[in-house]
Amino acid sequence: MQYWPLRPGSSEHSLNIGHTANLLARIGLNRSRFLAADLLQVIGPAVPLAQCTIFAYPKRRNPQVFSFADRAREVSLPVISNKYVQRFFGQDGNQLAMSQSTGGHSTIVQRQSIDDITHGEYRRICYEQPQISERMALLTHCESNRWLSVNFYRGREHGRFSEREMDYLETIAPLLIQSVRLHYHAYLQANEMPLLLAERVIRQQHVELTVREQELLRLMLSGLAVEDIAEQLGVRPVSAATYAKRLYRKLGINGLRELFGLATRAEWA
């Protein structure tokens, strides 16, 4: 496992103007679900990739899956991403790179191969099952003491990143990072209110929720349909509906209407 401050690109590279324009055109539209796919489109002609995931690391909370996309792998990336944020993020070399950052560098490059991973379950679920050989991550520190990680995964069929490919990724990294930061800022503007309401509900009801229950509560307060919640959690709609009913019981309420009433009630009432 290696990490270092982002270096200036040492050679010229070309970009597909149409793909790049599409990436920039979506900024401000709160369409983060397409962001990772857009990045794969921009990078793909020069660097073959299997997957892209983007995670946000809020302070004192588990990471958040911000966006993901793959190239027709045989396993479900939403399920893998959710297992990562619930169980394995502490084993990721990203954590060491972020914890040892002095704040003097706006972007850190981290490189991790399957051979670097000693935790058996993390290696099996996140690398062996989707047939990933290596991961290159761009880590950037942003407002509210959050980190963002943009992760590019190589399939076994691609081999390891070559020096030319690493140079290409570092050359276009400023464009990629700035696009992700702007997308994330737009996402926060549109989605921070459900998070604040979820925290209010937890305070008012004096309950302890698991990380998964907190995420479910935030999604419900975002007004998403059961099908959309299921997609975000990486489960079937029937399972998402069951989880919602359990959460209602844990909060001592009977349904969504009471949940919104609880969330918008003055805390001193």
Protein backbone atom coordinates (compact mmCIF):
# COMPACT_ATOMS: atom_id res chain seq x y z
CA MET A 1 0.00 0.00 0.00
CA GLN A 2 1.34 3.41 -0.99
CA TYR A 3 0.15 7.00 -0.73
CA TRP A 4 1.63 10.37 -1.65
CA PRO A 5 0.60 13.99 -2.37
CA LEU A 6 -0.82 14.47 -5.86
CA ARG A 7 1.99 15.15 -8.34
CA PRO A 8 1.75 17.30 -11.46
CA GLY A 9 1.27 15.29 -14.63
CA SER A 10 4.46 14.80 -16.59
CA SER A 11 3.00 14.53 -20.09
CA GLU A 12 0.09 15.69 -22.21
CA HIS A 13 -3.07 13.61 -22.51
CA SER A 14 -6.30 14.02 -24.44
CA LEU A 15 -9.88 13.91 -23.17
CA ASN A 16 -13.17 13.14 -24.89
CA ILE A 17 -14.82 16.57 -24.98
CA GLY A 18 -18.36 15.16 -25.07
CA HIS A 19 -17.85 12.98 -21.99
CA THR A 20 -16.14 15.79 -20.10
CA ALA A 21 -18.90 18.26 -20.99
CA ASN A 22 -21.51 15.78 -19.76
CA LEU A 23 -19.67 15.44 -16.44
CA LEU A 24 -19.60 19.21 -15.94
CA ALA A 25 -23.17 19.76 -17.17
CA ARG A 26 -24.63 17.66 -14.35
CA ILE A 27 -23.08 19.82 -11.61
CA GLY A 28 -25.77 21.42 -9.48
CA LEU A 29 -28.48 18.99 -10.57
CA ASN A 30 -28.18 16.76 -7.47
CA ARG A 31 -27.69 13.70 -9.68
CA SER A 32 -24.88 12.03 -7.77
CA ARG A 33 -26.02 8.54 -8.76
CA PHE A 34 -24.64 9.18 -12.27
CA LEU A 35 -21.35 10.75 -11.17
CA ALA A 36 -19.25 7.58 -10.90
CA ALA A 37 -20.53 6.39 -14.30
CA ASP A 38 -19.62 9.77 -15.81
CA LEU A 39 -16.09 9.45 -14.40
CA LEU A 40 -15.72 5.98 -15.94
CA GLN A 41 -16.80 7.44 -19.29
CA VAL A 42 -14.23 10.22 -19.07
CA ILE A 43 -11.36 7.94 -18.03
CA GLY A 44 -12.29 4.71 -19.82
CA PRO A 45 -10.81 5.43 -23.27
CA ALA A 46 -7.34 5.91 -21.75
CA VAL A 47 -7.42 3.68 -18.65
CA PRO A 48 -9.55 0.50 -18.61
CA LEU A 49 -11.42 0.23 -15.30
CA ALA A 50 -13.86 -2.21 -13.71
CA GLN A 51 -15.53 0.00 -11.12
CA CYS A 52 -15.68 3.46 -9.60
CA THR A 53 -16.99 4.30 -6.13
CA ILE A 54 -17.12 7.63 -4.34
CA PHE A 55 -17.38 7.81 -0.55
CA ALA A 56 -17.84 10.74 1.81
CA TYR A 57 -16.34 10.51 5.30
CA PRO A 58 -18.25 12.77 7.71
CA LYS A 59 -16.51 13.37 11.03
CA ARG A 60 -17.35 10.79 13.72
CA ARG A 61 -19.70 8.86 11.42
CA ASN A 62 -19.38 5.88 9.12
CA PRO A 63 -18.63 6.68 5.48
CA GLN A 64 -21.47 7.46 3.11
CA VAL A 65 -21.81 5.87 -0.32
CA PHE A 66 -22.04 8.91 -2.58
CA SER A 67 -21.93 7.31 -6.04
CA PHE A 68 -20.97 4.02 -7.68
CA ALA A 69 -20.76 2.43 -11.13
CA ASP A 70 -19.30 -0.73 -12.61
CA ARG A 71 -18.55 -2.40 -15.91
CA ALA A 72 -20.91 -5.41 -15.74
CA ARG A 73 -19.22 -7.25 -12.87
CA GLU A 74 -20.92 -10.43 -11.68
CA VAL A 75 -21.67 -9.22 -8.15
CA SER A 76 -23.75 -6.32 -6.88
CA LEU A 77 -21.69 -3.19 -6.30
CA PRO A 78 -24.39 -1.55 -4.10
CA VAL A 79 -24.23 -4.53 -1.72
CA ILE A 80 -20.42 -4.47 -1.65
CA SER A 81 -20.34 -0.70 -1.08
CA ASN A 82 -22.77 -0.93 1.83
CA LYS A 83 -20.81 -3.79 3.42
CA TYR A 84 -17.69 -1.64 3.08
CA VAL A 85 -19.17 1.33 4.97
CA GLN A 86 -20.71 -0.89 7.63
CA ARG A 87 -17.86 -3.36 8.25
CA PHE A 88 -14.62 -2.80 6.39
CA PHE A 89 -13.77 0.89 5.98
CA GLY A 90 -11.49 0.77 9.02
CA GLN A 91 -9.31 -1.82 7.24
CA ASP A 92 -8.86 0.37 4.15
CA GLY A 93 -5.46 1.92 3.51
CA ASN A 94 -7.35 5.16 2.84
CA GLN A 95 -7.82 5.53 6.59
CA LEU A 96 -4.08 5.58 7.23
CA ALA A 97 -3.49 8.08 4.44
CA MET A 98 -6.23 10.42 5.71
CA SER A 99 -5.23 10.12 9.37
CA GLN A 100 -1.60 10.99 8.65
CA SER A 101 -2.38 13.92 6.38
CA THR A 102 -1.03 17.19 7.74
CA GLY A 103 -3.54 19.26 5.78
CA GLY A 104 -0.82 20.79 3.63
CA HIS A 105 -1.90 18.88 0.53
CA SER A 106 -5.37 19.24 -0.93
CA THR A 107 -5.30 15.84 -2.67
CA ILE A 108 -3.64 12.56 -1.74
CA VAL A 109 -3.16 9.61 -4.09
CA GLN A 110 -3.46 6.15 -2.53
CA ARG A 111 -2.74 2.87 -4.25
CA GLN A 112 -3.77 -0.52 -2.86
CA SER A 113 -3.56 -3.98 -4.43
CA ILE A 114 -5.39 -7.10 -3.36
CA ASP A 115 -2.09 -8.40 -1.95
CA ASP A 116 -1.95 -5.44 0.47
CA ILE A 117 -5.15 -6.54 2.23
CA THR A 118 -4.64 -8.87 5.21
CA HIS A 119 -8.22 -8.79 6.54
CA GLY A 120 -9.78 -11.96 5.10
CA GLU A 121 -13.43 -10.89 4.80
CA TYR A 122 -12.58 -7.42 3.45
CA ARG A 123 -10.35 -9.00 0.83
CA ARG A 124 -12.89 -11.68 -0.13
CA ILE A 125 -15.99 -9.47 -0.38
CA CYS A 126 -14.52 -6.27 -1.81
CA TYR A 127 -11.73 -7.63 -4.04
CA GLU A 128 -11.93 -11.38 -4.69
CA GLN A 129 -15.66 -11.70 -5.40
CA PRO A 130 -15.79 -8.77 -7.90
CA GLN A 131 -12.39 -9.90 -9.30
CA ILE A 132 -10.56 -6.67 -8.50
CA SER A 133 -6.76 -6.64 -8.64
CA GLU A 134 -5.94 -3.07 -7.63
CA ARG A 135 -7.49 0.20 -6.49
CA MET A 136 -6.25 3.76 -6.98
CA ALA A 137 -7.92 6.42 -4.82
CA LEU A 138 -7.94 10.20 -4.89
CA LEU A 139 -8.51 11.61 -1.39
CA THR A 140 -9.49 15.23 -0.83
CA HIS A 141 -10.33 17.13 2.35
CA CYS A 142 -13.28 19.50 2.08
CA GLU A 143 -15.54 21.70 4.19
CA SER A 144 -17.12 20.58 7.50
CA ASN A 145 -14.06 18.40 8.14
CA ARG A 146 -15.21 15.81 5.60
CA TRP A 147 -13.04 13.70 3.34
CA LEU A 148 -14.05 12.52 -0.10
CA SER A 149 -12.49 9.46 -1.72
CA VAL A 150 -12.77 8.75 -5.43
CA ASN A 151 -11.85 5.12 -6.07
CA PHE A 152 -10.91 3.53 -9.39
CA TYR A 153 -10.72 -0.27 -9.50
CA ARG A 154 -8.86 -2.49 -11.95
CA GLY A 155 -10.31 -5.88 -12.82
CA ARG A 156 -8.11 -8.95 -13.00
CA GLU A 157 -8.46 -8.82 -16.76
CA HIS A 158 -6.81 -5.38 -16.79
CA GLY A 159 -3.72 -6.16 -14.71
CA ARG A 160 -2.08 -3.53 -12.50
CA PHE A 161 -1.95 0.17 -13.34
CA SER A 162 1.02 1.01 -15.55
CA GLU A 163 3.21 4.07 -14.98
CA ARG A 164 1.62 5.71 -18.02
CA GLU A 165 -1.88 5.08 -16.67
CA MET A 166 -0.99 6.39 -13.22
CA ASP A 167 0.48 9.51 -14.82
CA TYR A 168 -2.71 9.98 -16.83
CA LEU A 169 -4.90 9.70 -13.73
CA GLU A 170 -2.74 12.14 -11.79
CA THR A 171 -2.75 14.57 -14.72
CA ILE A 172 -6.55 14.75 -14.89
CA ALA A 173 -7.06 14.36 -11.11
CA PRO A 174 -7.61 18.11 -10.50
CA LEU A 175 -10.52 18.08 -12.98
CA LEU A 176 -12.00 14.93 -11.45
CA ILE A 177 -11.61 16.10 -7.86
CA GLN A 178 -13.08 19.54 -8.51
CA SER A 179 -16.06 18.00 -10.31
CA VAL A 180 -16.69 15.59 -7.42
CA ARG A 181 -16.40 18.39 -4.85
CA LEU A 182 -18.93 20.53 -6.73
CA HIS A 183 -21.31 17.60 -7.11
CA TYR A 184 -20.99 16.83 -3.41
CA HIS A 185 -21.61 20.45 -2.45
CA ALA A 186 -24.81 20.43 -4.53
CA TYR A 187 -25.79 17.14 -2.91
CA LEU A 188 -25.31 18.56 0.59
CA GLN A 189 -27.44 21.58 -0.22
CA ALA A 190 -30.28 19.30 -1.33
CA ASN A 191 -29.87 16.56 1.29
CA GLU A 192 -28.57 18.05 4.54
CA MET A 193 -32.09 18.80 5.78
CA PRO A 194 -33.12 15.10 5.96
CA LEU A 195 -29.92 14.40 7.90
CA LEU A 196 -30.63 17.21 10.37
CA LEU A 197 -34.22 16.00 10.77
CA ALA A 198 -33.00 12.45 11.38
CA GLU A 199 -30.65 13.66 14.10
CA ARG A 200 -33.54 15.60 15.67
CA VAL A 201 -35.77 12.50 15.73
CA ILE A 202 -33.04 10.43 17.39
CA ARG A 203 -32.51 13.12 20.04
CA GLN A 204 -36.20 13.54 20.77
CA GLN A 205 -36.93 9.83 21.05
CA HIS A 206 -33.78 9.03 23.07
CA VAL A 207 -33.08 5.92 21.00
CA GLU A 208 -29.86 4.36 19.78
CA LEU A 209 -29.95 3.42 16.12
CA THR A 210 -27.48 1.33 14.18
CA VAL A 211 -25.63 2.93 11.26
CA ARG A 212 -27.99 1.15 8.85
CA GLU A 213 -31.06 2.38 10.77
CA GLN A 214 -29.71 5.95 10.72
CA GLU A 215 -29.22 5.76 6.96
CA LEU A 216 -32.72 4.30 6.54
CA LEU A 217 -34.19 7.11 8.64
CA ARG A 218 -32.41 9.74 6.53
CA LEU A 219 -33.66 8.17 3.30
CA MET A 220 -37.23 8.01 4.60
CA LEU A 221 -37.10 11.66 5.62
CA SER A 222 -35.84 12.48 2.12
CA GLY A 223 -39.24 11.38 0.82
CA LEU A 224 -37.89 8.51 -1.30
CA ALA A 225 -40.12 5.67 -2.42
CA VAL A 226 -39.50 2.18 -1.06
CA GLU A 227 -37.94 1.11 -4.38
CA ASP A 228 -35.43 3.98 -4.27
CA ILE A 229 -34.61 3.30 -0.61
CA ALA A 230 -34.00 -0.35 -1.46
CA GLU A 231 -31.60 0.63 -4.24
CA GLN A 232 -29.67 2.95 -1.91
CA LEU A 233 -29.39 0.25 0.76
CA GLY A 234 -28.58 -2.52 -1.70
CA VAL A 235 -31.58 -4.69 -0.70
CA ARG A 236 -34.89 -5.80 -2.21
CA PRO A 237 -37.93 -3.50 -1.86
CA VAL A 238 -39.72 -6.02 0.36
CA SER A 239 -36.74 -6.01 2.73
CA ALA A 240 -36.65 -2.19 2.77
CA ALA A 241 -40.35 -2.13 3.69
CA THR A 242 -39.71 -4.59 6.53
CA TYR A 243 -36.80 -2.50 7.84
CA ALA A 244 -39.03 0.61 7.78
CA LYS A 245 -41.72 -1.11 9.87
CA ARG A 246 -39.11 -2.19 12.42
CA LEU A 247 -37.78 1.35 12.58
CA TYR A 248 -41.27 2.73 13.20
CA ARG A 249 -41.67 0.34 16.14
CA LYS A 250 -38.26 1.28 17.54
CA LEU A 251 -39.19 4.98 17.36
CA GLY A 252 -42.58 4.33 18.98
CA ILE A 253 -44.64 5.58 16.02
CA ASN A 254 -47.08 4.03 13.55
CA GLY A 255 -46.01 5.31 10.16
CA LEU A 256 -44.48 7.90 7.86
CA ARG A 257 -47.00 10.61 8.71
CA GLU A 258 -46.13 10.42 12.40
CA LEU A 259 -42.43 10.34 11.52
CA PHE A 260 -42.65 13.66 9.65
CA GLY A 261 -44.72 15.12 12.47
CA LEU A 262 -42.06 14.07 14.95
CA ALA A 263 -39.24 15.41 12.77
CA THR A 264 -40.82 18.86 12.37
CA ARG A 265 -42.06 19.25 15.93
CA ALA A 266 -40.31 21.98 17.92
CA GLU A 267 -37.76 20.37 20.24
CA TRP A 268 -39.04 22.35 23.22
CA ALA A 269 -42.66 21.30 22.65
